[in-house]
Amino acid sequence: QHYTMTLYNALEEETGQSCGVFQPGS
């Protein structure tokens, strides 16, 4: 899960496809 959380922003940059990431905390 920690790996995945850090992957989303990199995935957006790599593909140009928005992942709709909001990280205001939990």
PDB file of all heavy atoms in Angstrom:
ATOM      1  N   GLN A   1       0.827  -1.212   0.000  1.00  0.00           N
ATOM      2  CA  GLN A   1       0.000   0.000   0.000  1.00  0.00           C
ATOM      3  C   GLN A   1       0.857   1.257   0.000  1.00  0.00           C
ATOM      4  O   GLN A   1       0.532   2.246  -0.677  1.00  0.00           O
ATOM      5  CB  GLN A   1      -0.934  -0.033   1.215  1.00  0.00           C
ATOM      6  CG  GLN A   1      -2.015  -1.093   1.082  1.00  0.00           C
ATOM      7  CD  GLN A   1      -3.000  -1.120   2.246  1.00  0.00           C
ATOM      8  OE1 GLN A   1      -4.032  -1.771   2.173  1.00  0.00           O
ATOM      9  NE2 GLN A   1      -2.699  -0.405   3.325  1.00  0.00           N
ATOM     10  N   HIS A   2       1.943   1.246   0.755  1.00  0.00           N
ATOM     11  CA  HIS A   2       2.822   2.418   0.777  1.00  0.00           C
ATOM     12  C   HIS A   2       3.457   2.632  -0.593  1.00  0.00           C
ATOM     13  O   HIS A   2       3.561   3.764  -1.081  1.00  0.00           O
ATOM     14  CB  HIS A   2       3.891   2.240   1.853  1.00  0.00           C
ATOM     15  CG  HIS A   2       4.758   3.439   2.043  1.00  0.00           C
ATOM     16  ND1 HIS A   2       6.043   3.523   1.557  1.00  0.00           N
ATOM     17  CD2 HIS A   2       4.518   4.625   2.652  1.00  0.00           C
ATOM     18  CE1 HIS A   2       6.555   4.701   1.865  1.00  0.00           C
ATOM     19  NE2 HIS A   2       5.659   5.386   2.529  1.00  0.00           N
ATOM     20  N   TYR A   3       3.881   1.544  -1.229  1.00  0.00           N
ATOM     21  CA  TYR A   3       4.428   1.637  -2.583  1.00  0.00           C
ATOM     22  C   TYR A   3       3.410   2.217  -3.543  1.00  0.00           C
ATOM     23  O   TYR A   3       3.716   3.093  -4.362  1.00  0.00           O
ATOM     24  CB  TYR A   3       4.871   0.249  -3.058  1.00  0.00           C
ATOM     25  CG  TYR A   3       4.984   0.118  -4.558  1.00  0.00           C
ATOM     26  CD1 TYR A   3       6.075   0.656  -5.246  1.00  0.00           C
ATOM     27  CD2 TYR A   3       3.993  -0.515  -5.302  1.00  0.00           C
ATOM     28  CE1 TYR A   3       6.169   0.557  -6.626  1.00  0.00           C
ATOM     29  CE2 TYR A   3       4.079  -0.622  -6.680  1.00  0.00           C
ATOM     30  CZ  TYR A   3       5.160  -0.087  -7.341  1.00  0.00           C
ATOM     31  OH  TYR A   3       5.248  -0.180  -8.702  1.00  0.00           O
ATOM     32  N   THR A   4       2.162   1.744  -3.435  1.00  0.00           N
ATOM     33  CA  THR A   4       1.121   2.194  -4.359  1.00  0.00           C
ATOM     34  C   THR A   4       0.823   3.674  -4.178  1.00  0.00           C
ATOM     35  O   THR A   4       0.636   4.405  -5.155  1.00  0.00           O
ATOM     36  CB  THR A   4      -0.155   1.364  -4.147  1.00  0.00           C
ATOM     37  OG1 THR A   4       0.147  -0.026  -4.309  1.00  0.00           O
ATOM     38  CG2 THR A   4      -1.215   1.749  -5.165  1.00  0.00           C
ATOM     39  N   MET A   5       0.777   4.123  -2.937  1.00  0.00           N
ATOM     40  CA  MET A   5       0.504   5.542  -2.682  1.00  0.00           C
ATOM     41  C   MET A   5       1.538   6.445  -3.343  1.00  0.00           C
ATOM     42  O   MET A   5       1.208   7.526  -3.834  1.00  0.00           O
ATOM     43  CB  MET A   5       0.475   5.804  -1.177  1.00  0.00           C
ATOM     44  CG  MET A   5      -0.745   5.260  -0.475  1.00  0.00           C
ATOM     45  SD  MET A   5      -0.612   5.423   1.320  1.00  0.00           S
ATOM     46  CE  MET A   5      -0.583   7.203   1.524  1.00  0.00           C
ATOM     47  N   THR A   6       2.778   6.002  -3.346  1.00  0.00           N
ATOM     48  CA  THR A   6       3.832   6.817  -3.949  1.00  0.00           C
ATOM     49  C   THR A   6       3.881   6.645  -5.466  1.00  0.00           C
ATOM     50  O   THR A   6       4.500   7.453  -6.156  1.00  0.00           O
ATOM     51  CB  THR A   6       5.205   6.449  -3.356  1.00  0.00           C
ATOM     52  OG1 THR A   6       5.491   5.068  -3.630  1.00  0.00           O
ATOM     53  CG2 THR A   6       5.199   6.639  -1.846  1.00  0.00           C
ATOM     54  N   LEU A   7       3.217   5.598  -5.974  1.00  0.00           N
ATOM     55  CA  LEU A   7       3.256   5.325  -7.407  1.00  0.00           C
ATOM     56  C   LEU A   7       2.328   6.228  -8.211  1.00  0.00           C
ATOM     57  O   LEU A   7       2.646   6.600  -9.346  1.00  0.00           O
ATOM     58  CB  LEU A   7       2.875   3.857  -7.661  1.00  0.00           C
ATOM     59  CG  LEU A   7       2.701   3.416  -9.114  1.00  0.00           C
ATOM     60  CD1 LEU A   7       4.024   3.510  -9.875  1.00  0.00           C
ATOM     61  CD2 LEU A   7       2.157   1.990  -9.174  1.00  0.00           C
ATOM     62  N   TYR A   8       1.179   6.610  -7.636  1.00  0.00           N
ATOM     63  CA  TYR A   8       0.135   7.271  -8.422  1.00  0.00           C
ATOM     64  C   TYR A   8       0.618   8.553  -9.092  1.00  0.00           C
ATOM     65  O   TYR A   8       0.355   8.787 -10.274  1.00  0.00           O
ATOM     66  CB  TYR A   8      -1.081   7.564  -7.552  1.00  0.00           C
ATOM     67  CG  TYR A   8      -1.855   6.329  -7.152  1.00  0.00           C
ATOM     68  CD1 TYR A   8      -2.308   6.160  -5.844  1.00  0.00           C
ATOM     69  CD2 TYR A   8      -2.122   5.323  -8.074  1.00  0.00           C
ATOM     70  CE1 TYR A   8      -3.008   5.022  -5.475  1.00  0.00           C
ATOM     71  CE2 TYR A   8      -2.821   4.188  -7.714  1.00  0.00           C
ATOM     72  CZ  TYR A   8      -3.262   4.043  -6.415  1.00  0.00           C
ATOM     73  OH  TYR A   8      -3.957   2.921  -6.044  1.00  0.00           O
ATOM     74  N   ASN A   9       1.321   9.399  -8.357  1.00  0.00           N
ATOM     75  CA  ASN A   9       1.784  10.657  -8.954  1.00  0.00           C
ATOM     76  C   ASN A   9       2.799  10.398 -10.071  1.00  0.00           C
ATOM     77  O   ASN A   9       2.775  11.058 -11.112  1.00  0.00           O
ATOM     78  CB  ASN A   9       2.400  11.555  -7.879  1.00  0.00           C
ATOM     79  CG  ASN A   9       1.345  12.087  -6.917  1.00  0.00           C
ATOM     80  OD1 ASN A   9       0.266  12.486  -7.329  1.00  0.00           O
ATOM     81  ND2 ASN A   9       1.657  12.089  -5.640  1.00  0.00           N
ATOM     82  N   ALA A  10       3.678   9.404  -9.855  1.00  0.00           N
ATOM     83  CA  ALA A  10       4.637   9.052 -10.905  1.00  0.00           C
ATOM     84  C   ALA A  10       3.925   8.471 -12.116  1.00  0.00           C
ATOM     85  O   ALA A  10       4.327   8.708 -13.267  1.00  0.00           O
ATOM     86  CB  ALA A  10       5.660   8.052 -10.357  1.00  0.00           C
ATOM     87  N   LEU A  11       2.869   7.723 -11.876  1.00  0.00           N
ATOM     88  CA  LEU A  11       2.098   7.132 -12.966  1.00  0.00           C
ATOM     89  C   LEU A  11       1.430   8.215 -13.808  1.00  0.00           C
ATOM     90  O   LEU A  11       1.356   8.106 -15.039  1.00  0.00           O
ATOM     91  CB  LEU A  11       1.051   6.181 -12.388  1.00  0.00           C
ATOM     92  CG  LEU A  11       0.360   5.212 -13.340  1.00  0.00           C
ATOM     93  CD1 LEU A  11       1.370   4.287 -14.011  1.00  0.00           C
ATOM     94  CD2 LEU A  11      -0.680   4.399 -12.579  1.00  0.00           C
ATOM     95  N   GLU A  12       0.950   9.261 -13.153  1.00  0.00           N
ATOM     96  CA  GLU A  12       0.366  10.391 -13.882  1.00  0.00           C
ATOM     97  C   GLU A  12       1.394  11.034 -14.809  1.00  0.00           C
ATOM     98  O   GLU A  12       1.115  11.326 -15.983  1.00  0.00           O
ATOM     99  CB  GLU A  12      -0.165  11.439 -12.908  1.00  0.00           C
ATOM    100  CG  GLU A  12      -1.469  11.077 -12.227  1.00  0.00           C
ATOM    101  CD  GLU A  12      -2.021  12.226 -11.398  1.00  0.00           C
ATOM    102  OE1 GLU A  12      -1.262  13.205 -11.145  1.00  0.00           O
ATOM    103  OE2 GLU A  12      -3.202  12.171 -11.018  1.00  0.00           O
ATOM    104  N   GLU A  13       2.596  11.260 -14.288  1.00  0.00           N
ATOM    105  CA  GLU A  13       3.651  11.882 -15.094  1.00  0.00           C
ATOM    106  C   GLU A  13       4.057  10.988 -16.256  1.00  0.00           C
ATOM    107  O   GLU A  13       4.305  11.463 -17.366  1.00  0.00           O
ATOM    108  CB  GLU A  13       4.871  12.180 -14.216  1.00  0.00           C
ATOM    109  CG  GLU A  13       4.627  13.238 -13.156  1.00  0.00           C
ATOM    110  CD  GLU A  13       5.886  13.526 -12.354  1.00  0.00           C
ATOM    111  OE1 GLU A  13       6.975  13.054 -12.775  1.00  0.00           O
ATOM    112  OE2 GLU A  13       5.787  14.209 -11.318  1.00  0.00           O
ATOM    113  N   GLU A  14       4.108   9.685 -16.003  1.00  0.00           N
ATOM    114  CA  GLU A  14       4.540   8.740 -17.031  1.00  0.00           C
ATOM    115  C   GLU A  14       3.540   8.624 -18.168  1.00  0.00           C
ATOM    116  O   GLU A  14       3.926   8.543 -19.339  1.00  0.00           O
ATOM    117  CB  GLU A  14       4.733   7.366 -16.385  1.00  0.00           C
ATOM    118  CG  GLU A  14       5.094   6.254 -17.360  1.00  0.00           C
ATOM    119  CD  GLU A  14       5.123   4.896 -16.680  1.00  0.00           C
ATOM    120  OE1 GLU A  14       5.405   4.830 -15.468  1.00  0.00           O
ATOM    121  OE2 GLU A  14       4.857   3.898 -17.376  1.00  0.00           O
ATOM    122  N   THR A  15       2.251   8.625 -17.843  1.00  0.00           N
ATOM    123  CA  THR A  15       1.227   8.325 -18.852  1.00  0.00           C
ATOM    124  C   THR A  15       0.446   9.536 -19.332  1.00  0.00           C
ATOM    125  O   THR A  15      -0.191   9.481 -20.384  1.00  0.00           O
ATOM    126  CB  THR A  15       0.226   7.306 -18.286  1.00  0.00           C
ATOM    127  OG1 THR A  15      -0.483   7.900 -17.175  1.00  0.00           O
ATOM    128  CG2 THR A  15       0.935   6.045 -17.819  1.00  0.00           C
ATOM    129  N   GLY A  16       0.455  10.634 -18.556  1.00  0.00           N
ATOM    130  CA  GLY A  16      -0.369  11.781 -18.911  1.00  0.00           C
ATOM    131  C   GLY A  16      -1.823  11.612 -18.527  1.00  0.00           C
ATOM    132  O   GLY A  16      -2.651  12.486 -18.803  1.00  0.00           O
ATOM    133  N   GLN A  17      -2.161  10.508 -17.883  1.00  0.00           N
ATOM    134  CA  GLN A  17      -3.531  10.230 -17.453  1.00  0.00           C
ATOM    135  C   GLN A  17      -3.686  10.582 -15.976  1.00  0.00           C
ATOM    136  O   GLN A  17      -2.954  10.080 -15.128  1.00  0.00           O
ATOM    137  CB  GLN A  17      -3.863   8.752 -17.665  1.00  0.00           C
ATOM    138  CG  GLN A  17      -5.123   8.260 -16.970  1.00  0.00           C
ATOM    139  CD  GLN A  17      -6.398   8.856 -17.543  1.00  0.00           C
ATOM    140  OE1 GLN A  17      -6.584   8.881 -18.759  1.00  0.00           O
ATOM    141  NE2 GLN A  17      -7.270   9.348 -16.680  1.00  0.00           N
ATOM    142  N   SER A  18      -4.644  11.446 -15.668  1.00  0.00           N
ATOM    143  CA  SER A  18      -4.871  11.822 -14.278  1.00  0.00           C
ATOM    144  C   SER A  18      -5.384  10.629 -13.480  1.00  0.00           C
ATOM    145  O   SER A  18      -6.246   9.875 -13.939  1.00  0.00           O
ATOM    146  CB  SER A  18      -5.884  12.967 -14.195  1.00  0.00           C
ATOM    147  OG  SER A  18      -6.260  13.198 -12.847  1.00  0.00           O
ATOM    148  N   CYS A  19      -4.861  10.469 -12.270  1.00  0.00           N
ATOM    149  CA  CYS A  19      -5.343   9.441 -11.348  1.00  0.00           C
ATOM    150  C   CYS A  19      -6.300  10.037 -10.315  1.00  0.00           C
ATOM    151  O   CYS A  19      -6.772   9.316  -9.425  1.00  0.00           O
ATOM    152  CB  CYS A  19      -4.169   8.780 -10.640  1.00  0.00           C
ATOM    153  SG  CYS A  19      -3.113   7.777 -11.712  1.00  0.00           S
ATOM    154  N   GLY A  20      -6.565  11.335 -10.415  1.00  0.00           N
ATOM    155  CA  GLY A  20      -7.480  11.979  -9.480  1.00  0.00           C
ATOM    156  C   GLY A  20      -7.022  11.853  -8.040  1.00  0.00           C
ATOM    157  O   GLY A  20      -7.807  11.537  -7.149  1.00  0.00           O
ATOM    158  N   VAL A  21      -5.737  12.121  -7.803  1.00  0.00           N
ATOM    159  CA  VAL A  21      -5.160  11.912  -6.476  1.00  0.00           C
ATOM    160  C   VAL A  21      -5.458  13.095  -5.562  1.00  0.00           C
ATOM    161  O   VAL A  21      -5.164  14.248  -5.901  1.00  0.00           O
ATOM    162  CB  VAL A  21      -3.631  11.699  -6.572  1.00  0.00           C
ATOM    163  CG1 VAL A  21      -3.058  11.465  -5.180  1.00  0.00           C
ATOM    164  CG2 VAL A  21      -3.311  10.531  -7.487  1.00  0.00           C
ATOM    165  N   PHE A  22      -6.053  12.817  -4.410  1.00  0.00           N
ATOM    166  CA  PHE A  22      -6.220  13.804  -3.347  1.00  0.00           C
ATOM    167  C   PHE A  22      -5.560  13.229  -2.101  1.00  0.00           C
ATOM    168  O   PHE A  22      -5.907  12.124  -1.666  1.00  0.00           O
ATOM    169  CB  PHE A  22      -7.707  14.068  -3.058  1.00  0.00           C
ATOM    170  CG  PHE A  22      -8.445  14.729  -4.185  1.00  0.00           C
ATOM    171  CD1 PHE A  22      -9.270  13.985  -5.015  1.00  0.00           C
ATOM    172  CD2 PHE A  22      -8.314  16.089  -4.420  1.00  0.00           C
ATOM    173  CE1 PHE A  22      -9.958  14.580  -6.055  1.00  0.00           C
ATOM    174  CE2 PHE A  22      -8.993  16.701  -5.460  1.00  0.00           C
ATOM    175  CZ  PHE A  22      -9.821  15.939  -6.282  1.00  0.00           C
ATOM    176  N   GLN A  23      -4.618  13.952  -1.530  1.00  0.00           N
ATOM    177  CA  GLN A  23      -3.917  13.467  -0.339  1.00  0.00           C
ATOM    178  C   GLN A  23      -3.933  14.525   0.765  1.00  0.00           C
ATOM    179  O   GLN A  23      -2.892  15.052   1.154  1.00  0.00           O
ATOM    180  CB  GLN A  23      -2.490  13.060  -0.693  1.00  0.00           C
ATOM    181  CG  GLN A  23      -2.428  11.792  -1.568  1.00  0.00           C
ATOM    182  CD  GLN A  23      -1.015  11.377  -1.904  1.00  0.00           C
ATOM    183  OE1 GLN A  23      -0.347  12.021  -2.714  1.00  0.00           O
ATOM    184  NE2 GLN A  23      -0.564  10.289  -1.293  1.00  0.00           N
ATOM    185  N   PRO A  24      -5.128  14.800   1.304  1.00  0.00           N
ATOM    186  CA  PRO A  24      -5.222  15.758   2.407  1.00  0.00           C
ATOM    187  C   PRO A  24      -4.905  15.133   3.752  1.00  0.00           C
ATOM    188  O   PRO A  24      -4.944  15.811   4.776  1.00  0.00           O
ATOM    189  CB  PRO A  24      -6.689  16.187   2.357  1.00  0.00           C
ATOM    190  CG  PRO A  24      -7.402  14.954   1.878  1.00  0.00           C
ATOM    191  CD  PRO A  24      -6.454  14.278   0.918  1.00  0.00           C
ATOM    192  N   GLY A  25      -4.601  13.827   3.752  1.00  0.00           N
ATOM    193  CA  GLY A  25      -4.307  13.123   4.993  1.00  0.00           C
ATOM    194  C   GLY A  25      -5.478  12.262   5.435  1.00  0.00           C
ATOM    195  O   GLY A  25      -6.593  12.357   4.916  1.00  0.00           O
ATOM    196  N   SER A  26      -5.204  11.393   6.414  1.00  0.00           N
ATOM    197  CA  SER A  26      -6.232  10.514   6.979  1.00  0.00           C
ATOM    198  C   SER A  26      -6.094  10.483   8.501  1.00  0.00           C
ATOM    199  O   SER A  26      -4.986  10.421   9.025  1.00  0.00           O
ATOM    200  CB  SER A  26      -6.082   9.086   6.432  1.00  0.00           C
ATOM    201  OG  SER A  26      -6.289   9.044   5.034  1.00  0.00           O
TER     202      SER A  26
END
